[in-house]
Amino acid sequence: MSKPGSDIRSALTRLSPGFAAQLRNYLLLMRLDKPVGILLLLWPTLWALWLAGEGHPDGGLFIVFVLGVIVMRSGGCVLNDFADRNIDPYVERTRTRPIASGAVAPMEALTLFIALALVAIGLAAMLNRPAQMLAIIAAGLTIIYPFIKRFVSVPQFFLGAAFGWAVPMAFAAQTGATSQLAWLVFATAVIWAVIYDTFYAMVDRKDDIKVGVKSTAILFGDADLFIIGALQFLMLVALLFIGNMAELGGWFFASVLLAAILMAWHQWLARQRQPAACFRVFLLNHYIGMVIFIGIVLHYTFSAS
């Protein structure tokens, strides 16, 4: 006679390999194996929380926004792959994604997206009324972006708006309002997103032209690096304005200088427009957000109270 519970454990043992494999497919679908996307969304959010809280953001809001970044980025990736399910199989870099390869069915992906959306709603419910109203717009941007690249040549601007919308939300949650500083930080986040996602789009430019997907990499053409350079300069100017408006000191402006050096290095790395180099630059871009955040933290840590 078998011991109590042994039959259940035996059944779980038989089921676990398949369950674990499918769970892994869901995690891959959410891109949790590629945290760079989370970091690119997280850094501007942290800029906003620290600036809105003048170096002392609310601890509860910090937790809510960090979780929100992870959930919304994951949900956006799931919806993006659902929208691209008939395109990804024809693009070299994306043909092995879970939906494109058949590992996850489209309805499974939609179910997962709905589950993540419900979690996001629960997190938004913890915020104040102004932030909740802005969260509705954030949800709309998240849903619209995966489909917009079929109709407009600058989908990276919509991605930037979706990725940067946590900035006004953070200001609203922390202060109850969205100041001029909040919108300047938001605009800076949008510019940055166009920069790094154009590098990302340069990787797939040839395949995207074949399948009819639009991007700034295609729109900019041979002027891509020059236009990216102009956007990098614009971002640096915007950061200087942020520092002046928020009355930040030397630590912050040193971080802006370091960001400028990183941008120049990225231009050098991508100078031949090789896909591998462009993808590397995309991955390295999050360090720009990190050094700006460090500059903000150091300012509030060491500036006179």
C-alpha atoms as a PDB file:
ATOM      1  CA  MET A   1       0.000   0.000   0.000  1.00  0.00           C
ATOM      2  CA  SER A   2       1.412   3.355  -1.020  1.00  0.00           C
ATOM      3  CA  LYS A   3       2.084   6.071   1.511  1.00  0.00           C
ATOM      4  CA  PRO A   4      -0.386   8.971   1.801  1.00  0.00           C
ATOM      5  CA  GLY A   5       0.361  11.595  -0.778  1.00  0.00           C
ATOM      6  CA  SER A   6       2.729   9.399  -2.766  1.00  0.00           C
ATOM      7  CA  ASP A   7       0.240   9.101  -5.641  1.00  0.00           C
ATOM      8  CA  ILE A   8      -0.059  12.898  -5.818  1.00  0.00           C
ATOM      9  CA  ARG A   9       3.693  13.359  -5.772  1.00  0.00           C
ATOM     10  CA  SER A  10       4.026  10.714  -8.461  1.00  0.00           C
ATOM     11  CA  ALA A  11       1.470  12.496 -10.627  1.00  0.00           C
ATOM     12  CA  LEU A  12       3.216  15.839 -10.131  1.00  0.00           C
ATOM     13  CA  THR A  13       6.517  14.229 -11.043  1.00  0.00           C
ATOM     14  CA  ARG A  14       5.006  12.971 -14.290  1.00  0.00           C
ATOM     15  CA  LEU A  15       3.438  16.351 -15.049  1.00  0.00           C
ATOM     16  CA  SER A  16       6.310  18.565 -13.953  1.00  0.00           C
ATOM     17  CA  PRO A  17       8.567  18.233 -17.029  1.00  0.00           C
ATOM     18  CA  GLY A  18       5.800  19.413 -19.364  1.00  0.00           C
ATOM     19  CA  PHE A  19       4.597  22.043 -16.918  1.00  0.00           C
ATOM     20  CA  ALA A  20       8.108  23.353 -16.388  1.00  0.00           C
ATOM     21  CA  ALA A  21       8.716  23.517 -20.137  1.00  0.00           C
ATOM     22  CA  GLN A  22       5.520  25.485 -20.749  1.00  0.00           C
ATOM     23  CA  LEU A  23       6.202  27.781 -17.811  1.00  0.00           C
ATOM     24  CA  ARG A  24       9.587  28.463 -19.346  1.00  0.00           C
ATOM     25  CA  ASN A  25       7.869  29.313 -22.644  1.00  0.00           C
ATOM     26  CA  TYR A  26       5.623  31.814 -20.849  1.00  0.00           C
ATOM     27  CA  LEU A  27       8.651  33.399 -19.159  1.00  0.00           C
ATOM     28  CA  LEU A  28      10.386  33.656 -22.533  1.00  0.00           C
ATOM     29  CA  LEU A  29       7.227  35.194 -23.994  1.00  0.00           C
ATOM     30  CA  MET A  30       7.358  37.839 -21.260  1.00  0.00           C
ATOM     31  CA  ARG A  31      11.102  38.376 -22.027  1.00  0.00           C
ATOM     32  CA  LEU A  32      12.013  37.820 -18.390  1.00  0.00           C
ATOM     33  CA  ASP A  33      15.181  36.194 -19.674  1.00  0.00           C
ATOM     34  CA  LYS A  34      16.123  39.564 -21.219  1.00  0.00           C
ATOM     35  CA  PRO A  35      15.982  42.137 -18.404  1.00  0.00           C
ATOM     36  CA  VAL A  36      17.419  44.981 -20.495  1.00  0.00           C
ATOM     37  CA  GLY A  37      13.883  45.991 -21.507  1.00  0.00           C
ATOM     38  CA  ILE A  38      12.877  46.225 -17.860  1.00  0.00           C
ATOM     39  CA  LEU A  39      15.919  48.379 -17.110  1.00  0.00           C
ATOM     40  CA  LEU A  40      15.235  50.730 -20.026  1.00  0.00           C
ATOM     41  CA  LEU A  41      11.746  51.296 -18.646  1.00  0.00           C
ATOM     42  CA  LEU A  42      12.855  51.350 -15.019  1.00  0.00           C
ATOM     43  CA  TRP A  43      15.548  54.039 -15.096  1.00  0.00           C
ATOM     44  CA  PRO A  44      13.317  56.982 -16.174  1.00  0.00           C
ATOM     45  CA  THR A  45      10.733  55.795 -13.640  1.00  0.00           C
ATOM     46  CA  LEU A  46      13.353  55.983 -10.903  1.00  0.00           C
ATOM     47  CA  TRP A  47      14.505  59.394 -12.146  1.00  0.00           C
ATOM     48  CA  ALA A  48      10.945  60.594 -11.718  1.00  0.00           C
ATOM     49  CA  LEU A  49      10.412  59.055  -8.281  1.00  0.00           C
ATOM     50  CA  TRP A  50      13.612  60.579  -6.886  1.00  0.00           C
ATOM     51  CA  LEU A  51      13.020  63.995  -8.461  1.00  0.00           C
ATOM     52  CA  ALA A  52       9.364  64.117  -7.387  1.00  0.00           C
ATOM     53  CA  GLY A  53      10.304  63.040  -3.865  1.00  0.00           C
ATOM     54  CA  GLU A  54      13.358  65.338  -3.785  1.00  0.00           C
ATOM     55  CA  GLY A  55      15.553  62.391  -2.961  1.00  0.00           C
ATOM     56  CA  HIS A  56      13.100  60.723  -0.583  1.00  0.00           C
ATOM     57  CA  PRO A  57      10.469  58.840  -2.603  1.00  0.00           C
ATOM     58  CA  ASP A  58       7.699  57.048  -0.773  1.00  0.00           C
ATOM     59  CA  GLY A  59       8.755  53.455  -0.092  1.00  0.00           C
ATOM     60  CA  GLY A  60       5.383  52.010  -0.980  1.00  0.00           C
ATOM     61  CA  LEU A  61       5.318  53.867  -4.297  1.00  0.00           C
ATOM     62  CA  PHE A  62       8.804  52.597  -5.055  1.00  0.00           C
ATOM     63  CA  ILE A  63       7.616  48.995  -4.698  1.00  0.00           C
ATOM     64  CA  VAL A  64       4.432  49.587  -6.706  1.00  0.00           C
ATOM     65  CA  PHE A  65       6.262  51.265  -9.589  1.00  0.00           C
ATOM     66  CA  VAL A  66       9.053  48.693  -9.764  1.00  0.00           C
ATOM     67  CA  LEU A  67       6.485  45.894  -9.890  1.00  0.00           C
ATOM     68  CA  GLY A  68       4.443  47.908 -12.373  1.00  0.00           C
ATOM     69  CA  VAL A  69       7.446  48.293 -14.657  1.00  0.00           C
ATOM     70  CA  ILE A  70       8.030  44.532 -14.667  1.00  0.00           C
ATOM     71  CA  VAL A  71       4.365  43.691 -15.219  1.00  0.00           C
ATOM     72  CA  MET A  72       3.713  46.289 -17.936  1.00  0.00           C
ATOM     73  CA  ARG A  73       6.889  45.475 -19.841  1.00  0.00           C
ATOM     74  CA  SER A  74       6.045  41.765 -19.665  1.00  0.00           C
ATOM     75  CA  GLY A  75       2.487  42.388 -20.823  1.00  0.00           C
ATOM     76  CA  GLY A  76       3.688  44.605 -23.645  1.00  0.00           C
ATOM     77  CA  CYS A  77       6.057  41.885 -24.860  1.00  0.00           C
ATOM     78  CA  VAL A  78       3.291  39.278 -24.809  1.00  0.00           C
ATOM     79  CA  LEU A  79       0.923  41.519 -26.775  1.00  0.00           C
ATOM     80  CA  ASN A  80       3.704  42.506 -29.176  1.00  0.00           C
ATOM     81  CA  ASP A  81       4.445  38.873 -30.012  1.00  0.00           C
ATOM     82  CA  PHE A  82       0.739  38.174 -30.441  1.00  0.00           C
ATOM     83  CA  ALA A  83       0.446  41.087 -32.864  1.00  0.00           C
ATOM     84  CA  ASP A  84       3.583  39.939 -34.739  1.00  0.00           C
ATOM     85  CA  ARG A  85       2.686  36.246 -34.822  1.00  0.00           C
ATOM     86  CA  ASN A  86       2.464  36.298 -38.635  1.00  0.00           C
ATOM     87  CA  ILE A  87       5.607  38.404 -39.038  1.00  0.00           C
ATOM     88  CA  ASP A  88       8.106  36.960 -36.556  1.00  0.00           C
ATOM     89  CA  PRO A  89       8.522  33.628 -38.426  1.00  0.00           C
ATOM     90  CA  TYR A  90      10.001  35.556 -41.370  1.00  0.00           C
ATOM     91  CA  VAL A  91      12.495  37.625 -39.346  1.00  0.00           C
ATOM     92  CA  GLU A  92      15.801  35.931 -38.519  1.00  0.00           C
ATOM     93  CA  ARG A  93      16.077  37.330 -34.981  1.00  0.00           C
ATOM     94  CA  THR A  94      12.466  36.589 -33.968  1.00  0.00           C
ATOM     95  CA  ARG A  95      11.578  33.296 -35.637  1.00  0.00           C
ATOM     96  CA  THR A  96      12.332  31.301 -32.466  1.00  0.00           C
ATOM     97  CA  ARG A  97      10.022  33.342 -30.213  1.00  0.00           C
ATOM     98  CA  PRO A  98       7.424  31.178 -28.411  1.00  0.00           C
ATOM     99  CA  ILE A  99       4.401  32.098 -30.545  1.00  0.00           C
ATOM    100  CA  ALA A 100       6.321  32.194 -33.831  1.00  0.00           C
ATOM    101  CA  SER A 101       7.800  28.744 -33.140  1.00  0.00           C
ATOM    102  CA  GLY A 102       4.455  27.295 -32.050  1.00  0.00           C
ATOM    103  CA  ALA A 103       5.521  26.698 -28.444  1.00  0.00           C
ATOM    104  CA  VAL A 104       2.728  28.980 -27.196  1.00  0.00           C
ATOM    105  CA  ALA A 105      -0.674  29.235 -28.849  1.00  0.00           C
ATOM    106  CA  PRO A 106      -2.069  32.714 -29.629  1.00  0.00           C
ATOM    107  CA  MET A 107      -4.998  32.215 -27.230  1.00  0.00           C
ATOM    108  CA  GLU A 108      -2.580  31.210 -24.481  1.00  0.00           C
ATOM    109  CA  ALA A 109      -0.707  34.454 -25.080  1.00  0.00           C
ATOM    110  CA  LEU A 110      -3.908  36.494 -24.889  1.00  0.00           C
ATOM    111  CA  THR A 111      -4.846  34.763 -21.643  1.00  0.00           C
ATOM    112  CA  LEU A 112      -1.425  35.547 -20.202  1.00  0.00           C
ATOM    113  CA  PHE A 113      -1.741  39.185 -21.294  1.00  0.00           C
ATOM    114  CA  ILE A 114      -5.136  39.479 -19.588  1.00  0.00           C
ATOM    115  CA  ALA A 115      -3.686  38.001 -16.392  1.00  0.00           C
ATOM    116  CA  LEU A 116      -0.826  40.508 -16.435  1.00  0.00           C
ATOM    117  CA  ALA A 117      -3.286  43.334 -17.157  1.00  0.00           C
ATOM    118  CA  LEU A 118      -5.309  42.361 -14.083  1.00  0.00           C
ATOM    119  CA  VAL A 119      -2.161  42.480 -11.959  1.00  0.00           C
ATOM    120  CA  ALA A 120      -1.397  45.929 -13.395  1.00  0.00           C
ATOM    121  CA  ILE A 121      -4.907  47.101 -12.536  1.00  0.00           C
ATOM    122  CA  GLY A 122      -4.406  45.876  -8.992  1.00  0.00           C
ATOM    123  CA  LEU A 123      -1.172  47.857  -8.718  1.00  0.00           C
ATOM    124  CA  ALA A 124      -2.797  50.977 -10.180  1.00  0.00           C
ATOM    125  CA  ALA A 125      -5.570  50.683  -7.585  1.00  0.00           C
ATOM    126  CA  MET A 126      -2.938  51.366  -4.913  1.00  0.00           C
ATOM    127  CA  LEU A 127      -2.163  54.796  -6.392  1.00  0.00           C
ATOM    128  CA  ASN A 128      -3.926  58.105  -5.894  1.00  0.00           C
ATOM    129  CA  ARG A 129      -6.616  59.381  -8.239  1.00  0.00           C
ATOM    130  CA  PRO A 130      -4.382  61.541 -10.509  1.00  0.00           C
ATOM    131  CA  ALA A 131      -1.990  58.639 -11.050  1.00  0.00           C
ATOM    132  CA  GLN A 132      -4.875  56.273 -11.747  1.00  0.00           C
ATOM    133  CA  MET A 133      -6.194  58.558 -14.473  1.00  0.00           C
ATOM    134  CA  LEU A 134      -2.768  58.612 -16.086  1.00  0.00           C
ATOM    135  CA  ALA A 135      -2.603  54.811 -15.761  1.00  0.00           C
ATOM    136  CA  ILE A 136      -5.572  54.552 -18.140  1.00  0.00           C
ATOM    137  CA  ILE A 137      -3.540  56.357 -20.800  1.00  0.00           C
ATOM    138  CA  ALA A 138      -0.562  54.100 -20.059  1.00  0.00           C
ATOM    139  CA  ALA A 139      -2.756  51.055 -20.705  1.00  0.00           C
ATOM    140  CA  GLY A 140      -3.902  52.527 -24.006  1.00  0.00           C
ATOM    141  CA  LEU A 141      -0.333  53.206 -25.143  1.00  0.00           C
ATOM    142  CA  THR A 142       0.697  49.666 -24.210  1.00  0.00           C
ATOM    143  CA  ILE A 143      -2.118  48.200 -26.294  1.00  0.00           C
ATOM    144  CA  ILE A 144      -1.690  50.530 -29.278  1.00  0.00           C
ATOM    145  CA  TYR A 145       2.070  50.308 -29.759  1.00  0.00           C
ATOM    146  CA  PRO A 146       2.349  46.670 -30.999  1.00  0.00           C
ATOM    147  CA  PHE A 147      -0.031  47.457 -33.859  1.00  0.00           C
ATOM    148  CA  ILE A 148       1.089  50.995 -34.756  1.00  0.00           C
ATOM    149  CA  LYS A 149       4.245  49.936 -36.594  1.00  0.00           C
ATOM    150  CA  ARG A 150       2.115  48.727 -39.479  1.00  0.00           C
ATOM    151  CA  PHE A 151       0.712  52.190 -40.128  1.00  0.00           C
ATOM    152  CA  VAL A 152       3.249  54.889 -39.148  1.00  0.00           C
ATOM    153  CA  SER A 153       6.931  55.304 -39.934  1.00  0.00           C
ATOM    154  CA  VAL A 154       7.868  56.438 -36.423  1.00  0.00           C
ATOM    155  CA  PRO A 155       6.574  53.720 -34.064  1.00  0.00           C
ATOM    156  CA  GLN A 156       9.585  54.372 -31.823  1.00  0.00           C
ATOM    157  CA  PHE A 157       7.948  57.619 -30.681  1.00  0.00           C
ATOM    158  CA  PHE A 158       4.900  55.657 -29.544  1.00  0.00           C
ATOM    159  CA  LEU A 159       7.192  53.183 -27.773  1.00  0.00           C
ATOM    160  CA  GLY A 160       8.886  56.132 -26.099  1.00  0.00           C
ATOM    161  CA  ALA A 161       5.537  57.481 -24.932  1.00  0.00           C
ATOM    162  CA  ALA A 162       4.546  54.061 -23.588  1.00  0.00           C
ATOM    163  CA  PHE A 163       7.903  53.551 -21.841  1.00  0.00           C
ATOM    164  CA  GLY A 164       8.022  57.109 -20.530  1.00  0.00           C
ATOM    165  CA  TRP A 165       4.453  57.403 -19.287  1.00  0.00           C
ATOM    166  CA  ALA A 166       5.491  56.071 -15.895  1.00  0.00           C
ATOM    167  CA  VAL A 167       7.257  59.426 -15.402  1.00  0.00           C
ATOM    168  CA  PRO A 168       4.150  61.642 -15.104  1.00  0.00           C
ATOM    169  CA  MET A 169       2.471  58.815 -13.205  1.00  0.00           C
ATOM    170  CA  ALA A 170       5.307  58.805 -10.660  1.00  0.00           C
ATOM    171  CA  PHE A 171       5.107  62.570 -10.205  1.00  0.00           C
ATOM    172  CA  ALA A 172       1.326  62.409  -9.832  1.00  0.00           C
ATOM    173  CA  ALA A 173       1.552  59.551  -7.327  1.00  0.00           C
ATOM    174  CA  GLN A 174       4.266  61.277  -5.292  1.00  0.00           C
ATOM    175  CA  THR A 175       3.044  64.895  -5.401  1.00  0.00           C
ATOM    176  CA  GLY A 176      -0.564  64.736  -6.587  1.00  0.00           C
ATOM    177  CA  ALA A 177       0.243  66.743  -9.715  1.00  0.00           C
ATOM    178  CA  THR A 178       2.327  66.676 -12.916  1.00  0.00           C
ATOM    179  CA  SER A 179       4.650  69.663 -12.916  1.00  0.00           C
ATOM    180  CA  GLN A 180       6.575  71.183 -15.811  1.00  0.00           C
ATOM    181  CA  LEU A 181       9.568  69.169 -14.602  1.00  0.00           C
ATOM    182  CA  ALA A 182       7.543  65.961 -14.938  1.00  0.00           C
ATOM    183  CA  TRP A 183       6.796  66.617 -18.595  1.00  0.00           C
ATOM    184  CA  LEU A 184      10.400  67.612 -19.305  1.00  0.00           C
ATOM    185  CA  VAL A 185      11.592  64.305 -17.828  1.00  0.00           C
ATOM    186  CA  PHE A 186       8.908  62.514 -19.865  1.00  0.00           C
ATOM    187  CA  ALA A 187      10.080  64.205 -23.091  1.00  0.00           C
ATOM    188  CA  THR A 188      13.661  63.208 -22.287  1.00  0.00           C
ATOM    189  CA  ALA A 189      12.577  59.590 -21.790  1.00  0.00           C
ATOM    190  CA  VAL A 190      10.770  59.651 -25.156  1.00  0.00           C
ATOM    191  CA  ILE A 191      13.848  60.986 -26.951  1.00  0.00           C
ATOM    192  CA  TRP A 192      16.012  58.341 -25.312  1.00  0.00           C
ATOM    193  CA  ALA A 193      13.607  55.569 -26.356  1.00  0.00           C
ATOM    194  CA  VAL A 194      13.730  56.723 -29.975  1.00  0.00           C
ATOM    195  CA  ILE A 195      17.538  56.598 -29.794  1.00  0.00           C
ATOM    196  CA  TYR A 196      17.913  53.099 -28.395  1.00  0.00           C
ATOM    197  CA  ASP A 197      14.992  51.586 -30.292  1.00  0.00           C
ATOM    198  CA  THR A 198      16.313  52.959 -33.572  1.00  0.00           C
ATOM    199  CA  PHE A 199      19.556  51.102 -32.882  1.00  0.00           C
ATOM    200  CA  TYR A 200      17.381  48.050 -32.159  1.00  0.00           C
ATOM    201  CA  ALA A 201      15.441  48.511 -35.406  1.00  0.00           C
ATOM    202  CA  MET A 202      18.681  48.796 -37.379  1.00  0.00           C
ATOM    203  CA  VAL A 203      19.286  45.132 -36.545  1.00  0.00           C
ATOM    204  CA  ASP A 204      16.133  44.044 -38.388  1.00  0.00           C
ATOM    205  CA  ARG A 205      16.040  46.722 -41.081  1.00  0.00           C
ATOM    206  CA  LYS A 206      16.435  44.379 -44.068  1.00  0.00           C
ATOM    207  CA  ASP A 207      13.864  41.889 -42.779  1.00  0.00           C
ATOM    208  CA  ASP A 208      11.435  44.656 -41.794  1.00  0.00           C
ATOM    209  CA  ILE A 209      11.543  46.102 -45.299  1.00  0.00           C
ATOM    210  CA  LYS A 210      10.681  42.689 -46.724  1.00  0.00           C
ATOM    211  CA  VAL A 211       7.699  42.081 -44.429  1.00  0.00           C
ATOM    212  CA  GLY A 212       6.424  45.672 -44.489  1.00  0.00           C
ATOM    213  CA  VAL A 213       7.088  46.685 -40.880  1.00  0.00           C
ATOM    214  CA  LYS A 214       7.852  50.385 -40.443  1.00  0.00           C
ATOM    215  CA  SER A 215      10.542  51.882 -38.213  1.00  0.00           C
ATOM    216  CA  THR A 216      12.693  54.961 -37.736  1.00  0.00           C
ATOM    217  CA  ALA A 217      15.684  52.904 -38.902  1.00  0.00           C
ATOM    218  CA  ILE A 218      13.989  52.544 -42.296  1.00  0.00           C
ATOM    219  CA  LEU A 219      12.744  56.143 -42.315  1.00  0.00           C
ATOM    220  CA  PHE A 220      16.143  57.639 -41.438  1.00  0.00           C
ATOM    221  CA  GLY A 221      17.951  55.488 -44.014  1.00  0.00           C
ATOM    222  CA  ASP A 222      21.590  56.414 -44.576  1.00  0.00           C
ATOM    223  CA  ALA A 223      21.193  59.408 -42.251  1.00  0.00           C
ATOM    224  CA  ASP A 224      20.380  57.140 -39.296  1.00  0.00           C
ATOM    225  CA  LEU A 225      23.551  57.716 -37.260  1.00  0.00           C
ATOM    226  CA  PHE A 226      23.488  61.458 -37.948  1.00  0.00           C
ATOM    227  CA  ILE A 227      19.862  61.744 -36.801  1.00  0.00           C
ATOM    228  CA  ILE A 228      20.556  59.560 -33.765  1.00  0.00           C
ATOM    229  CA  GLY A 229      23.454  61.873 -32.961  1.00  0.00           C
ATOM    230  CA  ALA A 230      21.137  64.875 -33.172  1.00  0.00           C
ATOM    231  CA  LEU A 231      18.681  63.143 -30.842  1.00  0.00           C
ATOM    232  CA  GLN A 232      21.493  62.303 -28.441  1.00  0.00           C
ATOM    233  CA  PHE A 233      22.495  65.975 -28.370  1.00  0.00           C
ATOM    234  CA  LEU A 234      18.856  66.956 -27.786  1.00  0.00           C
ATOM    235  CA  MET A 235      18.616  64.482 -24.914  1.00  0.00           C
ATOM    236  CA  LEU A 236      21.748  65.895 -23.293  1.00  0.00           C
ATOM    237  CA  VAL A 237      20.358  69.431 -23.568  1.00  0.00           C
ATOM    238  CA  ALA A 238      17.087  68.252 -22.020  1.00  0.00           C
ATOM    239  CA  LEU A 239      19.028  66.660 -19.145  1.00  0.00           C
ATOM    240  CA  LEU A 240      20.819  69.959 -18.555  1.00  0.00           C
ATOM    241  CA  PHE A 241      17.462  71.721 -18.395  1.00  0.00           C
ATOM    242  CA  ILE A 242      16.249  69.086 -15.915  1.00  0.00           C
ATOM    243  CA  GLY A 243      19.295  69.682 -13.748  1.00  0.00           C
ATOM    244  CA  ASN A 244      18.719  73.427 -13.807  1.00  0.00           C
ATOM    245  CA  MET A 245      14.979  73.206 -13.152  1.00  0.00           C
ATOM    246  CA  ALA A 246      15.396  70.709 -10.296  1.00  0.00           C
ATOM    247  CA  GLU A 247      18.374  72.666  -8.911  1.00  0.00           C
ATOM    248  CA  LEU A 248      20.651  69.679  -9.093  1.00  0.00           C
ATOM    249  CA  GLY A 249      24.374  70.000  -8.520  1.00  0.00           C
ATOM    250  CA  GLY A 250      27.735  68.760  -9.675  1.00  0.00           C
ATOM    251  CA  TRP A 251      27.064  65.068  -9.197  1.00  0.00           C
ATOM    252  CA  PHE A 252      24.179  65.213 -11.670  1.00  0.00           C
ATOM    253  CA  PHE A 253      26.026  67.259 -14.268  1.00  0.00           C
ATOM    254  CA  ALA A 254      28.987  64.871 -14.004  1.00  0.00           C
ATOM    255  CA  SER A 255      26.574  62.031 -14.788  1.00  0.00           C
ATOM    256  CA  VAL A 256      25.345  63.928 -17.851  1.00  0.00           C
ATOM    257  CA  LEU A 257      28.958  64.279 -19.022  1.00  0.00           C
ATOM    258  CA  LEU A 258      29.470  60.531 -18.552  1.00  0.00           C
ATOM    259  CA  ALA A 259      26.263  59.888 -20.492  1.00  0.00           C
ATOM    260  CA  ALA A 260      27.621  62.017 -23.340  1.00  0.00           C
ATOM    261  CA  ILE A 261      30.812  59.938 -23.390  1.00  0.00           C
ATOM    262  CA  LEU A 262      28.756  56.736 -23.522  1.00  0.00           C
ATOM    263  CA  MET A 263      26.700  58.128 -26.413  1.00  0.00           C
ATOM    264  CA  ALA A 264      29.870  58.942 -28.364  1.00  0.00           C
ATOM    265  CA  TRP A 265      31.135  55.412 -27.713  1.00  0.00           C
ATOM    266  CA  HIS A 266      27.844  53.982 -28.989  1.00  0.00           C
ATOM    267  CA  GLN A 267      28.166  55.983 -32.193  1.00  0.00           C
ATOM    268  CA  TRP A 268      31.667  54.567 -32.689  1.00  0.00           C
ATOM    269  CA  LEU A 269      30.506  51.001 -32.061  1.00  0.00           C
ATOM    270  CA  ALA A 270      27.672  51.320 -34.601  1.00  0.00           C
ATOM    271  CA  ARG A 271      29.711  53.208 -37.198  1.00  0.00           C
ATOM    272  CA  GLN A 272      29.656  50.281 -39.679  1.00  0.00           C
ATOM    273  CA  ARG A 273      25.950  49.610 -39.026  1.00  0.00           C
ATOM    274  CA  GLN A 274      26.634  45.927 -38.485  1.00  0.00           C
ATOM    275  CA  PRO A 275      23.546  44.243 -36.948  1.00  0.00           C
ATOM    276  CA  ALA A 276      25.541  42.659 -34.105  1.00  0.00           C
ATOM    277  CA  ALA A 277      27.115  46.007 -33.231  1.00  0.00           C
ATOM    278  CA  CYS A 278      23.776  47.834 -33.347  1.00  0.00           C
ATOM    279  CA  PHE A 279      22.245  45.219 -31.085  1.00  0.00           C
ATOM    280  CA  ARG A 280      25.153  45.558 -28.677  1.00  0.00           C
ATOM    281  CA  VAL A 281      24.616  49.320 -28.553  1.00  0.00           C
ATOM    282  CA  PHE A 282      20.932  48.743 -27.799  1.00  0.00           C
ATOM    283  CA  LEU A 283      21.873  46.480 -24.891  1.00  0.00           C
ATOM    284  CA  LEU A 284      24.449  48.962 -23.585  1.00  0.00           C
ATOM    285  CA  ASN A 285      22.030  51.900 -23.668  1.00  0.00           C
ATOM    286  CA  HIS A 286      20.573  51.150 -20.267  1.00  0.00           C
ATOM    287  CA  TYR A 287      23.862  52.276 -18.695  1.00  0.00           C
ATOM    288  CA  ILE A 288      22.993  55.810 -19.772  1.00  0.00           C
ATOM    289  CA  GLY A 289      19.825  55.675 -17.710  1.00  0.00           C
ATOM    290  CA  MET A 290      21.736  54.119 -14.844  1.00  0.00           C
ATOM    291  CA  VAL A 291      24.439  56.815 -14.666  1.00  0.00           C
ATOM    292  CA  ILE A 292      21.796  59.577 -14.774  1.00  0.00           C
ATOM    293  CA  PHE A 293      19.973  57.906 -11.899  1.00  0.00           C
ATOM    294  CA  ILE A 294      23.201  57.581  -9.938  1.00  0.00           C
ATOM    295  CA  GLY A 295      23.855  61.279 -10.492  1.00  0.00           C
ATOM    296  CA  ILE A 296      20.412  62.151  -9.115  1.00  0.00           C
ATOM    297  CA  VAL A 297      20.849  59.901  -6.077  1.00  0.00           C
ATOM    298  CA  LEU A 298      24.327  61.250  -5.338  1.00  0.00           C
ATOM    299  CA  HIS A 299      23.048  64.812  -5.530  1.00  0.00           C
ATOM    300  CA  TYR A 300      20.331  64.235  -2.949  1.00  0.00           C
ATOM    301  CA  THR A 301      22.658  62.118  -0.809  1.00  0.00           C
ATOM    302  CA  PHE A 302      25.484  64.635  -0.531  1.00  0.00           C
ATOM    303  CA  SER A 303      23.824  68.006  -1.128  1.00  0.00           C
ATOM    304  CA  ALA A 304      23.249  70.208   1.888  1.00  0.00           C
ATOM    305  CA  SER A 305      19.846  69.748   3.495  1.00  0.00           C
END
